[in-house]
Amino acid sequence: PKKAGGEQKPKRVSALDAAAQVLAKAEKPMRAQELIAAMAEQDLWSSPAGKTPHATLYAAILREIAAKGDAARFKKVDRGLFEINA
């Protein structure tokens, strides 16, 4: 059952959403490790307790590209390098 009138927590941004925001502002392609650092620096997203958030982000970006193709938010430009798919 839902509580009426209670305060809701602000919705957390997913790692993929945060990465898309960082890449949209970036002037150049970025690696997953750089994206993780930029996301933390801009207070968009930080790993709750993961040891390899860059590997998780890398895999998630590749999954989105594979699933959505040209409609994906990301584009792989080189090995390990991604940019926003404009």
PDB file of N, CA and C in Angstrom:
ATOM      1  N   PRO A   1       0.821  -1.202   0.000  1.00  0.00           N
ATOM      2  CA  PRO A   1       0.000   0.000   0.000  1.00  0.00           C
ATOM      3  C   PRO A   1       0.860   1.260   0.000  1.00  0.00           C
ATOM      4  N   LYS A   2       0.413   2.243  -0.751  1.00  0.00           N
ATOM      5  CA  LYS A   2       1.148   3.500  -0.838  1.00  0.00           C
ATOM      6  C   LYS A   2       0.788   4.393   0.336  1.00  0.00           C
ATOM      7  N   LYS A   3       1.773   5.132   0.808  1.00  0.00           N
ATOM      8  CA  LYS A   3       1.524   6.099   1.871  1.00  0.00           C
ATOM      9  C   LYS A   3       1.057   7.398   1.228  1.00  0.00           C
ATOM     10  N   ALA A   4       0.042   7.985   1.779  1.00  0.00           N
ATOM     11  CA  ALA A   4      -0.482   9.238   1.237  1.00  0.00           C
ATOM     12  C   ALA A   4       0.234  10.421   1.868  1.00  0.00           C
ATOM     13  N   GLY A   5       0.619  11.373   1.041  1.00  0.00           N
ATOM     14  CA  GLY A   5       1.179  12.614   1.549  1.00  0.00           C
ATOM     15  C   GLY A   5       2.602  12.532   2.072  1.00  0.00           C
ATOM     16  N   GLY A   6       3.228  11.372   1.999  1.00  0.00           N
ATOM     17  CA  GLY A   6       4.598  11.254   2.486  1.00  0.00           C
ATOM     18  C   GLY A   6       5.589  11.862   1.509  1.00  0.00           C
ATOM     19  N   GLU A   7       6.731  12.289   2.031  1.00  0.00           N
ATOM     20  CA  GLU A   7       7.747  12.856   1.154  1.00  0.00           C
ATOM     21  C   GLU A   7       8.425  11.737   0.381  1.00  0.00           C
ATOM     22  N   GLN A   8       8.637  11.988  -0.899  1.00  0.00           N
ATOM     23  CA  GLN A   8       9.308  10.998  -1.727  1.00  0.00           C
ATOM     24  C   GLN A   8      10.784  11.340  -1.818  1.00  0.00           C
ATOM     25  N   LYS A   9      11.602  10.293  -1.896  1.00  0.00           N
ATOM     26  CA  LYS A   9      13.024  10.509  -2.106  1.00  0.00           C
ATOM     27  C   LYS A   9      13.214  11.020  -3.532  1.00  0.00           C
ATOM     28  N   PRO A  10      14.183  11.906  -3.742  1.00  0.00           N
ATOM     29  CA  PRO A  10      14.442  12.317  -5.122  1.00  0.00           C
ATOM     30  C   PRO A  10      14.934  11.103  -5.919  1.00  0.00           C
ATOM     31  N   LYS A  11      14.446  10.973  -7.132  1.00  0.00           N
ATOM     32  CA  LYS A  11      14.794   9.807  -7.939  1.00  0.00           C
ATOM     33  C   LYS A  11      16.272   9.859  -8.308  1.00  0.00           C
ATOM     34  N   ARG A  12      16.961   8.751  -8.053  1.00  0.00           N
ATOM     35  CA  ARG A  12      18.380   8.674  -8.384  1.00  0.00           C
ATOM     36  C   ARG A  12      18.558   8.524  -9.881  1.00  0.00           C
ATOM     37  N   VAL A  13      19.552   9.176 -10.399  1.00  0.00           N
ATOM     38  CA  VAL A  13      19.876   9.074 -11.816  1.00  0.00           C
ATOM     39  C   VAL A  13      20.663   7.786 -12.023  1.00  0.00           C
ATOM     40  N   SER A  14      20.339   7.053 -13.074  1.00  0.00           N
ATOM     41  CA  SER A  14      21.076   5.820 -13.345  1.00  0.00           C
ATOM     42  C   SER A  14      22.461   6.159 -13.886  1.00  0.00           C
ATOM     43  N   ALA A  15      23.349   5.201 -13.823  1.00  0.00           N
ATOM     44  CA  ALA A  15      24.707   5.400 -14.328  1.00  0.00           C
ATOM     45  C   ALA A  15      24.679   5.729 -15.818  1.00  0.00           C
ATOM     46  N   LEU A  16      23.816   5.054 -16.577  1.00  0.00           N
ATOM     47  CA  LEU A  16      23.730   5.322 -18.017  1.00  0.00           C
ATOM     48  C   LEU A  16      23.211   6.730 -18.293  1.00  0.00           C
ATOM     49  N   ASP A  17      22.205   7.162 -17.537  1.00  0.00           N
ATOM     50  CA  ASP A  17      21.680   8.519 -17.721  1.00  0.00           C
ATOM     51  C   ASP A  17      22.757   9.555 -17.396  1.00  0.00           C
ATOM     52  N   ALA A  18      23.482   9.324 -16.319  1.00  0.00           N
ATOM     53  CA  ALA A  18      24.548  10.247 -15.920  1.00  0.00           C
ATOM     54  C   ALA A  18      25.655  10.272 -16.969  1.00  0.00           C
ATOM     55  N   ALA A  19      26.014   9.107 -17.497  1.00  0.00           N
ATOM     56  CA  ALA A  19      27.053   9.036 -18.531  1.00  0.00           C
ATOM     57  C   ALA A  19      26.613   9.795 -19.778  1.00  0.00           C
ATOM     58  N   ALA A  20      25.343   9.675 -20.144  1.00  0.00           N
ATOM     59  CA  ALA A  20      24.825  10.392 -21.311  1.00  0.00           C
ATOM     60  C   ALA A  20      24.914  11.904 -21.090  1.00  0.00           C
ATOM     61  N   GLN A  21      24.609  12.355 -19.860  1.00  0.00           N
ATOM     62  CA  GLN A  21      24.699  13.789 -19.547  1.00  0.00           C
ATOM     63  C   GLN A  21      26.137  14.279 -19.650  1.00  0.00           C
ATOM     64  N   VAL A  22      27.075  13.510 -19.106  1.00  0.00           N
ATOM     65  CA  VAL A  22      28.489  13.895 -19.137  1.00  0.00           C
ATOM     66  C   VAL A  22      28.985  13.952 -20.582  1.00  0.00           C
ATOM     67  N   LEU A  23      28.651  12.933 -21.375  1.00  0.00           N
ATOM     68  CA  LEU A  23      29.108  12.897 -22.766  1.00  0.00           C
ATOM     69  C   LEU A  23      28.481  14.013 -23.596  1.00  0.00           C
ATOM     70  N   ALA A  24      27.249  14.384 -23.282  1.00  0.00           N
ATOM     71  CA  ALA A  24      26.592  15.464 -24.018  1.00  0.00           C
ATOM     72  C   ALA A  24      27.326  16.790 -23.802  1.00  0.00           C
ATOM     73  N   LYS A  25      27.870  16.983 -22.599  1.00  0.00           N
ATOM     74  CA  LYS A  25      28.605  18.212 -22.286  1.00  0.00           C
ATOM     75  C   LYS A  25      30.050  18.146 -22.784  1.00  0.00           C
ATOM     76  N   ALA A  26      30.577  16.933 -22.914  1.00  0.00           N
ATOM     77  CA  ALA A  26      31.985  16.760 -23.282  1.00  0.00           C
ATOM     78  C   ALA A  26      32.201  17.138 -24.746  1.00  0.00           C
ATOM     79  N   GLU A  27      33.374  17.607 -25.020  1.00  0.00           N
ATOM     80  CA  GLU A  27      33.727  17.995 -26.387  1.00  0.00           C
ATOM     81  C   GLU A  27      34.443  16.860 -27.118  1.00  0.00           C
ATOM     82  N   LYS A  28      34.674  15.758 -26.412  1.00  0.00           N
ATOM     83  CA  LYS A  28      35.475  14.676 -26.986  1.00  0.00           C
ATOM     84  C   LYS A  28      34.954  13.327 -26.513  1.00  0.00           C
ATOM     85  N   PRO A  29      35.307  12.258 -27.229  1.00  0.00           N
ATOM     86  CA  PRO A  29      34.961  10.911 -26.747  1.00  0.00           C
ATOM     87  C   PRO A  29      35.664  10.637 -25.416  1.00  0.00           C
ATOM     88  N   MET A  30      35.050   9.791 -24.593  1.00  0.00           N
ATOM     89  CA  MET A  30      35.616   9.491 -23.277  1.00  0.00           C
ATOM     90  C   MET A  30      35.614   7.995 -23.017  1.00  0.00           C
ATOM     91  N   ARG A  31      36.518   7.570 -22.144  1.00  0.00           N
ATOM     92  CA  ARG A  31      36.580   6.179 -21.696  1.00  0.00           C
ATOM     93  C   ARG A  31      35.672   6.007 -20.480  1.00  0.00           C
ATOM     94  N   ALA A  32      35.306   4.771 -20.183  1.00  0.00           N
ATOM     95  CA  ALA A  32      34.421   4.489 -19.048  1.00  0.00           C
ATOM     96  C   ALA A  32      35.022   5.009 -17.738  1.00  0.00           C
ATOM     97  N   GLN A  33      36.323   4.830 -17.563  1.00  0.00           N
ATOM     98  CA  GLN A  33      36.992   5.288 -16.336  1.00  0.00           C
ATOM     99  C   GLN A  33      36.869   6.812 -16.193  1.00  0.00           C
ATOM    100  N   GLU A  34      37.041   7.534 -17.309  1.00  0.00           N
ATOM    101  CA  GLU A  34      36.913   8.995 -17.284  1.00  0.00           C
ATOM    102  C   GLU A  34      35.466   9.404 -16.998  1.00  0.00           C
ATOM    103  N   LEU A  35      34.522   8.657 -17.560  1.00  0.00           N
ATOM    104  CA  LEU A  35      33.105   8.948 -17.324  1.00  0.00           C
ATOM    105  C   LEU A  35      32.759   8.794 -15.850  1.00  0.00           C
ATOM    106  N   ILE A  36      33.231   7.715 -15.227  1.00  0.00           N
ATOM    107  CA  ILE A  36      32.963   7.479 -13.801  1.00  0.00           C
ATOM    108  C   ILE A  36      33.503   8.642 -12.971  1.00  0.00           C
ATOM    109  N   ALA A  37      34.732   9.083 -13.269  1.00  0.00           N
ATOM    110  CA  ALA A  37      35.336  10.196 -12.526  1.00  0.00           C
ATOM    111  C   ALA A  37      34.541  11.483 -12.728  1.00  0.00           C
ATOM    112  N   ALA A  38      34.136  11.762 -13.962  1.00  0.00           N
ATOM    113  CA  ALA A  38      33.382  12.982 -14.256  1.00  0.00           C
ATOM    114  C   ALA A  38      31.998  12.946 -13.611  1.00  0.00           C
ATOM    115  N   MET A  39      31.367  11.781 -13.603  1.00  0.00           N
ATOM    116  CA  MET A  39      30.046  11.645 -12.993  1.00  0.00           C
ATOM    117  C   MET A  39      30.118  11.911 -11.491  1.00  0.00           C
ATOM    118  N   ALA A  40      31.153  11.415 -10.839  1.00  0.00           N
ATOM    119  CA  ALA A  40      31.328  11.642  -9.402  1.00  0.00           C
ATOM    120  C   ALA A  40      31.646  13.115  -9.134  1.00  0.00           C
ATOM    121  N   GLU A  41      32.503  13.694  -9.976  1.00  0.00           N
ATOM    122  CA  GLU A  41      32.910  15.086  -9.823  1.00  0.00           C
ATOM    123  C   GLU A  41      31.716  16.036  -9.964  1.00  0.00           C
ATOM    124  N   GLN A  42      30.797  15.711 -10.865  1.00  0.00           N
ATOM    125  CA  GLN A  42      29.626  16.558 -11.107  1.00  0.00           C
ATOM    126  C   GLN A  42      28.440  16.171 -10.218  1.00  0.00           C
ATOM    127  N   ASP A  43      28.668  15.264  -9.274  1.00  0.00           N
ATOM    128  CA  ASP A  43      27.621  14.794  -8.354  1.00  0.00           C
ATOM    129  C   ASP A  43      26.398  14.227  -9.069  1.00  0.00           C
ATOM    130  N   LEU A  44      26.623  13.577 -10.208  1.00  0.00           N
ATOM    131  CA  LEU A  44      25.519  12.967 -10.945  1.00  0.00           C
ATOM    132  C   LEU A  44      25.264  11.543 -10.475  1.00  0.00           C
ATOM    133  N   TRP A  45      26.342  10.805 -10.252  1.00  0.00           N
ATOM    134  CA  TRP A  45      26.220   9.395  -9.870  1.00  0.00           C
ATOM    135  C   TRP A  45      27.535   8.944  -9.272  1.00  0.00           C
ATOM    136  N   SER A  46      27.457   8.083  -8.266  1.00  0.00           N
ATOM    137  CA  SER A  46      28.663   7.436  -7.752  1.00  0.00           C
ATOM    138  C   SER A  46      28.299   6.010  -7.384  1.00  0.00           C
ATOM    139  N   SER A  47      29.250   5.138  -7.509  1.00  0.00           N
ATOM    140  CA  SER A  47      29.016   3.724  -7.258  1.00  0.00           C
ATOM    141  C   SER A  47      28.696   3.499  -5.787  1.00  0.00           C
ATOM    142  N   PRO A  48      27.602   2.783  -5.492  1.00  0.00           N
ATOM    143  CA  PRO A  48      27.242   2.537  -4.093  1.00  0.00           C
ATOM    144  C   PRO A  48      28.333   1.783  -3.332  1.00  0.00           C
ATOM    145  N   ALA A  49      28.866   0.715  -3.910  1.00  0.00           N
ATOM    146  CA  ALA A  49      29.923  -0.029  -3.219  1.00  0.00           C
ATOM    147  C   ALA A  49      30.702  -0.910  -4.175  1.00  0.00           C
ATOM    148  N   GLY A  50      30.509  -0.718  -5.455  1.00  0.00           N
ATOM    149  CA  GLY A  50      31.155  -1.586  -6.443  1.00  0.00           C
ATOM    150  C   GLY A  50      32.653  -1.370  -6.522  1.00  0.00           C
ATOM    151  N   LYS A  51      33.362  -2.433  -6.836  1.00  0.00           N
ATOM    152  CA  LYS A  51      34.820  -2.344  -6.951  1.00  0.00           C
ATOM    153  C   LYS A  51      35.248  -1.931  -8.356  1.00  0.00           C
ATOM    154  N   THR A  52      34.416  -2.230  -9.365  1.00  0.00           N
ATOM    155  CA  THR A  52      34.781  -1.904 -10.747  1.00  0.00           C
ATOM    156  C   THR A  52      33.617  -1.222 -11.479  1.00  0.00           C
ATOM    157  N   PRO A  53      33.229  -0.032 -11.026  1.00  0.00           N
ATOM    158  CA  PRO A  53      32.096   0.636 -11.678  1.00  0.00           C
ATOM    159  C   PRO A  53      32.356   0.943 -13.151  1.00  0.00           C
ATOM    160  N   HIS A  54      33.627   1.173 -13.507  1.00  0.00           N
ATOM    161  CA  HIS A  54      33.932   1.458 -14.912  1.00  0.00           C
ATOM    162  C   HIS A  54      33.627   0.256 -15.804  1.00  0.00           C
ATOM    163  N   ALA A  55      33.885  -0.942 -15.309  1.00  0.00           N
ATOM    164  CA  ALA A  55      33.592  -2.151 -16.086  1.00  0.00           C
ATOM    165  C   ALA A  55      32.082  -2.344 -16.233  1.00  0.00           C
ATOM    166  N   THR A  56      31.348  -2.045 -15.174  1.00  0.00           N
ATOM    167  CA  THR A  56      29.890  -2.153 -15.215  1.00  0.00           C
ATOM    168  C   THR A  56      29.312  -1.144 -16.204  1.00  0.00           C
ATOM    169  N   LEU A  57      29.811   0.087 -16.164  1.00  0.00           N
ATOM    170  CA  LEU A  57      29.336   1.121 -17.079  1.00  0.00           C
ATOM    171  C   LEU A  57      29.672   0.758 -18.521  1.00  0.00           C
ATOM    172  N   TYR A  58      30.890   0.288 -18.753  1.00  0.00           N
ATOM    173  CA  TYR A  58      31.328  -0.112 -20.091  1.00  0.00           C
ATOM    174  C   TYR A  58      30.383  -1.173 -20.655  1.00  0.00           C
ATOM    175  N   ALA A  59      30.089  -2.181 -19.857  1.00  0.00           N
ATOM    176  CA  ALA A  59      29.200  -3.264 -20.296  1.00  0.00           C
ATOM    177  C   ALA A  59      27.784  -2.743 -20.547  1.00  0.00           C
ATOM    178  N   ALA A  60      27.305  -1.844 -19.699  1.00  0.00           N
ATOM    179  CA  ALA A  60      25.956  -1.301 -19.859  1.00  0.00           C
ATOM    180  C   ALA A  60      25.842  -0.466 -21.134  1.00  0.00           C
ATOM    181  N   ILE A  61      26.876   0.310 -21.430  1.00  0.00           N
ATOM    182  CA  ILE A  61      26.871   1.106 -22.667  1.00  0.00           C
ATOM    183  C   ILE A  61      26.858   0.178 -23.880  1.00  0.00           C
ATOM    184  N   LEU A  62      27.697  -0.858 -23.859  1.00  0.00           N
ATOM    185  CA  LEU A  62      27.721  -1.814 -24.974  1.00  0.00           C
ATOM    186  C   LEU A  62      26.377  -2.518 -25.131  1.00  0.00           C
ATOM    187  N   ARG A  63      25.731  -2.854 -23.999  1.00  0.00           N
ATOM    188  CA  ARG A  63      24.403  -3.492 -24.063  1.00  0.00           C
ATOM    189  C   ARG A  63      23.386  -2.572 -24.725  1.00  0.00           C
ATOM    190  N   GLU A  64      23.422  -1.288 -24.354  1.00  0.00           N
ATOM    191  CA  GLU A  64      22.468  -0.346 -24.956  1.00  0.00           C
ATOM    192  C   GLU A  64      22.717  -0.211 -26.455  1.00  0.00           C
ATOM    193  N   ILE A  65      23.983  -0.126 -26.858  1.00  0.00           N
ATOM    194  CA  ILE A  65      24.308  -0.022 -28.283  1.00  0.00           C
ATOM    195  C   ILE A  65      23.827  -1.266 -29.029  1.00  0.00           C
ATOM    196  N   ALA A  66      24.049  -2.439 -28.443  1.00  0.00           N
ATOM    197  CA  ALA A  66      23.636  -3.694 -29.085  1.00  0.00           C
ATOM    198  C   ALA A  66      22.114  -3.792 -29.189  1.00  0.00           C
ATOM    199  N   ALA A  67      21.420  -3.352 -28.151  1.00  0.00           N
ATOM    200  CA  ALA A  67      19.961  -3.481 -28.123  1.00  0.00           C
ATOM    201  C   ALA A  67      19.267  -2.437 -28.999  1.00  0.00           C
ATOM    202  N   LYS A  68      19.766  -1.214 -28.992  1.00  0.00           N
ATOM    203  CA  LYS A  68      19.061  -0.122 -29.672  1.00  0.00           C
ATOM    204  C   LYS A  68      19.680   0.275 -31.004  1.00  0.00           C
ATOM    205  N   GLY A  69      20.895  -0.180 -31.268  1.00  0.00           N
ATOM    206  CA  GLY A  69      21.539   0.143 -32.542  1.00  0.00           C
ATOM    207  C   GLY A  69      21.714   1.642 -32.730  1.00  0.00           C
ATOM    208  N   ASP A  70      21.224   2.152 -33.869  1.00  0.00           N
ATOM    209  CA  ASP A  70      21.377   3.575 -34.185  1.00  0.00           C
ATOM    210  C   ASP A  70      20.576   4.485 -33.258  1.00  0.00           C
ATOM    211  N   ALA A  71      19.593   3.923 -32.558  1.00  0.00           N
ATOM    212  CA  ALA A  71      18.773   4.723 -31.642  1.00  0.00           C
ATOM    213  C   ALA A  71      19.417   4.855 -30.260  1.00  0.00           C
ATOM    214  N   ALA A  72      20.538   4.183 -30.025  1.00  0.00           N
ATOM    215  CA  ALA A  72      21.218   4.241 -28.726  1.00  0.00           C
ATOM    216  C   ALA A  72      21.744   5.655 -28.473  1.00  0.00           C
ATOM    217  N   ARG A  73      21.881   5.998 -27.189  1.00  0.00           N
ATOM    218  CA  ARG A  73      22.393   7.326 -26.829  1.00  0.00           C
ATOM    219  C   ARG A  73      23.897   7.431 -27.019  1.00  0.00           C
ATOM    220  N   PHE A  74      24.562   6.290 -27.143  1.00  0.00           N
ATOM    221  CA  PHE A  74      26.020   6.265 -27.204  1.00  0.00           C
ATOM    222  C   PHE A  74      26.494   5.717 -28.544  1.00  0.00           C
ATOM    223  N   LYS A  75      27.715   6.092 -28.903  1.00  0.00           N
ATOM    224  CA  LYS A  75      28.336   5.558 -30.102  1.00  0.00           C
ATOM    225  C   LYS A  75      29.773   5.195 -29.743  1.00  0.00           C
ATOM    226  N   LYS A  76      30.195   3.988 -30.124  1.00  0.00           N
ATOM    227  CA  LYS A  76      31.571   3.561 -29.867  1.00  0.00           C
ATOM    228  C   LYS A  76      32.426   4.068 -31.019  1.00  0.00           C
ATOM    229  N   VAL A  77      33.427   4.884 -30.704  1.00  0.00           N
ATOM    230  CA  VAL A  77      34.255   5.466 -31.756  1.00  0.00           C
ATOM    231  C   VAL A  77      35.599   4.771 -31.891  1.00  0.00           C
ATOM    232  N   ASP A  78      36.020   4.090 -30.851  1.00  0.00           N
ATOM    233  CA  ASP A  78      37.273   3.344 -30.878  1.00  0.00           C
ATOM    234  C   ASP A  78      37.227   2.367 -29.715  1.00  0.00           C
ATOM    235  N   ARG A  79      38.234   1.530 -29.614  1.00  0.00           N
ATOM    236  CA  ARG A  79      38.261   0.568 -28.524  1.00  0.00           C
ATOM    237  C   ARG A  79      38.251   1.305 -27.183  1.00  0.00           C
ATOM    238  N   GLY A  80      37.169   1.111 -26.437  1.00  0.00           N
ATOM    239  CA  GLY A  80      37.056   1.722 -25.117  1.00  0.00           C
ATOM    240  C   GLY A  80      36.638   3.180 -25.113  1.00  0.00           C
ATOM    241  N   LEU A  81      36.387   3.771 -26.289  1.00  0.00           N
ATOM    242  CA  LEU A  81      36.022   5.188 -26.367  1.00  0.00           C
ATOM    243  C   LEU A  81      34.587   5.348 -26.847  1.00  0.00           C
ATOM    244  N   PHE A  82      33.837   6.177 -26.123  1.00  0.00           N
ATOM    245  CA  PHE A  82      32.436   6.408 -26.465  1.00  0.00           C
ATOM    246  C   PHE A  82      32.169   7.898 -26.591  1.00  0.00           C
ATOM    247  N   GLU A  83      31.185   8.231 -27.438  1.00  0.00           N
ATOM    248  CA  GLU A  83      30.710   9.602 -27.527  1.00  0.00           C
ATOM    249  C   GLU A  83      29.195   9.571 -27.604  1.00  0.00           C
ATOM    250  N   ILE A  84      28.591  10.739 -27.453  1.00  0.00           N
ATOM    251  CA  ILE A  84      27.136  10.820 -27.517  1.00  0.00           C
ATOM    252  C   ILE A  84      26.723  10.620 -28.974  1.00  0.00           C
ATOM    253  N   ASN A  85      25.654   9.898 -29.193  1.00  0.00           N
ATOM    254  CA  ASN A  85      25.171   9.622 -30.545  1.00  0.00           C
ATOM    255  C   ASN A  85      24.207  10.730 -30.942  1.00  0.00           C
ATOM    256  N   ALA A  86      24.727  11.724 -31.647  1.00  0.00           N
ATOM    257  CA  ALA A  86      23.893  12.882 -32.005  1.00  0.00           C
ATOM    258  C   ALA A  86      23.221  12.689 -33.350  1.00  0.00           C
TER     259      ALA A  86
END
